[in-house]
Amino acid sequence: GVLSPNAILVFLSRGGVFHEGLRLKEIQDYLPIEKHICEHYAFLPRLATEEEASALYHDFYQKGKKLAMVFVTEHGLPEEAVIGILTAYDIVHWISDYEED
């Protein structure tokens, strides 16, 4: 699952109480990717290219959806261990590096 501001807001909106000793176990029902209402996530394999990652963000944007994060796993499968993450900031960084060359 993903611990995000959205997950915490949903937890609070459904009667959850934020307190100093709050444990992940208390909000675990709100962490699965499919429970995130406004945030979208995708998976790419370890050997995916920068162009593939950029295209993924572009595809979501074209559909009017915000891709919050891309999880990188060995084969791009959700059931695999996450070995890296990509955000929109990574894409912007790659583009600016490319334009400088």
Protein backbone atom coordinates (compact mmCIF):
# COMPACT_ATOMS: atom_id res chain seq x y z
CA GLY A 1 0.00 0.00 0.00
CA VAL A 2 0.84 3.66 -0.15
CA LEU A 3 0.95 6.01 2.80
CA SER A 4 -0.06 9.33 1.27
CA PRO A 5 -1.80 12.53 2.32
CA ASN A 6 -4.87 11.23 0.49
CA ALA A 7 -4.93 8.02 2.54
CA ILE A 8 -4.70 10.01 5.76
CA LEU A 9 -7.48 12.40 4.68
CA VAL A 10 -9.79 9.50 3.85
CA PHE A 11 -8.98 7.90 7.21
CA LEU A 12 -9.84 11.14 9.03
CA SER A 13 -12.98 11.78 6.96
CA ARG A 14 -14.32 8.37 7.97
CA GLY A 15 -14.00 9.05 11.68
CA GLY A 16 -10.36 8.20 12.21
CA VAL A 17 -8.49 10.25 14.79
CA PHE A 18 -4.96 11.51 14.29
CA HIS A 19 -2.89 11.22 17.47
CA GLU A 20 0.77 11.20 18.41
CA GLY A 21 0.98 7.41 18.74
CA LEU A 22 -0.87 6.65 15.48
CA ARG A 23 0.33 3.36 13.98
CA LEU A 24 0.17 2.20 10.38
CA LYS A 25 -1.94 -0.72 11.56
CA GLU A 26 -4.72 1.76 12.40
CA ILE A 27 -4.89 3.09 8.85
CA GLN A 28 -3.92 -0.04 6.93
CA ASP A 29 -7.40 -0.31 5.36
CA TYR A 30 -6.76 2.99 3.52
CA LEU A 31 -3.31 2.13 2.13
CA PRO A 32 -4.02 -0.27 -0.78
CA ILE A 33 -3.46 1.42 -4.15
CA GLU A 34 -7.02 0.73 -5.28
CA LYS A 35 -8.35 2.68 -2.26
CA HIS A 36 -6.72 5.94 -3.37
CA ILE A 37 -9.45 8.06 -4.92
CA CYS A 38 -7.60 10.99 -6.47
CA GLU A 39 -4.13 9.55 -6.84
CA HIS A 40 -3.06 7.09 -9.49
CA TYR A 41 -0.07 4.77 -9.44
CA ALA A 42 1.61 2.65 -12.08
CA PHE A 43 4.33 0.03 -12.29
CA LEU A 44 7.29 -0.24 -14.64
CA PRO A 45 9.95 -2.94 -14.95
CA ARG A 46 13.50 -2.30 -13.78
CA LEU A 47 14.78 -2.05 -17.36
CA ALA A 48 12.17 0.48 -18.52
CA THR A 49 13.57 3.51 -20.32
CA GLU A 50 13.19 7.17 -19.43
CA GLU A 51 11.03 7.51 -22.53
CA GLU A 52 8.65 4.79 -21.30
CA ALA A 53 8.33 6.49 -17.92
CA SER A 54 7.75 9.87 -19.54
CA ALA A 55 5.13 8.39 -21.89
CA LEU A 56 3.31 6.86 -18.92
CA TYR A 57 3.00 10.26 -17.24
CA HIS A 58 1.90 11.80 -20.54
CA ASP A 59 -0.79 9.14 -21.05
CA PHE A 60 -2.28 9.79 -17.62
CA TYR A 61 -2.16 13.55 -18.22
CA GLN A 62 -3.99 13.13 -21.55
CA LYS A 63 -6.75 11.26 -19.70
CA GLY A 64 -7.06 14.07 -17.16
CA LYS A 65 -5.60 11.95 -14.36
CA LYS A 66 -2.69 12.66 -12.06
CA LEU A 67 -0.08 9.94 -11.89
CA ALA A 68 1.31 10.41 -8.39
CA MET A 69 4.11 7.87 -8.58
CA VAL A 70 5.53 5.02 -10.62
CA PHE A 71 6.78 2.02 -8.71
CA VAL A 72 9.70 0.17 -10.26
CA THR A 73 9.78 -3.59 -9.74
CA GLU A 74 11.84 -6.31 -11.42
CA HIS A 75 9.19 -7.07 -14.06
CA GLY A 76 6.77 -4.17 -13.52
CA LEU A 77 4.29 -6.27 -11.55
CA PRO A 78 2.43 -4.97 -8.47
CA GLU A 79 3.00 -8.15 -6.49
CA GLU A 80 6.80 -7.78 -6.73
CA ALA A 81 9.01 -5.93 -4.25
CA VAL A 82 9.44 -2.24 -5.05
CA ILE A 83 13.06 -1.49 -5.95
CA GLY A 84 12.58 2.15 -6.89
CA ILE A 85 10.12 4.96 -7.41
CA LEU A 86 9.71 7.67 -10.02
CA THR A 87 7.79 10.91 -9.65
CA ALA A 88 6.91 13.72 -12.02
CA TYR A 89 9.94 15.56 -10.62
CA ASP A 90 12.20 12.83 -12.01
CA ILE A 91 10.67 13.28 -15.46
CA VAL A 92 11.16 17.06 -15.32
CA HIS A 93 14.77 16.53 -14.22
CA TRP A 94 15.43 14.17 -17.14
CA ILE A 95 13.91 16.65 -19.61
CA SER A 96 15.94 19.56 -18.26
CA ASP A 97 19.13 17.44 -18.41
CA TYR A 98 18.31 16.49 -21.99
CA GLU A 99 17.72 20.11 -23.01
CA GLU A 100 21.05 21.17 -21.48
CA ASP A 101 22.99 18.67 -23.63
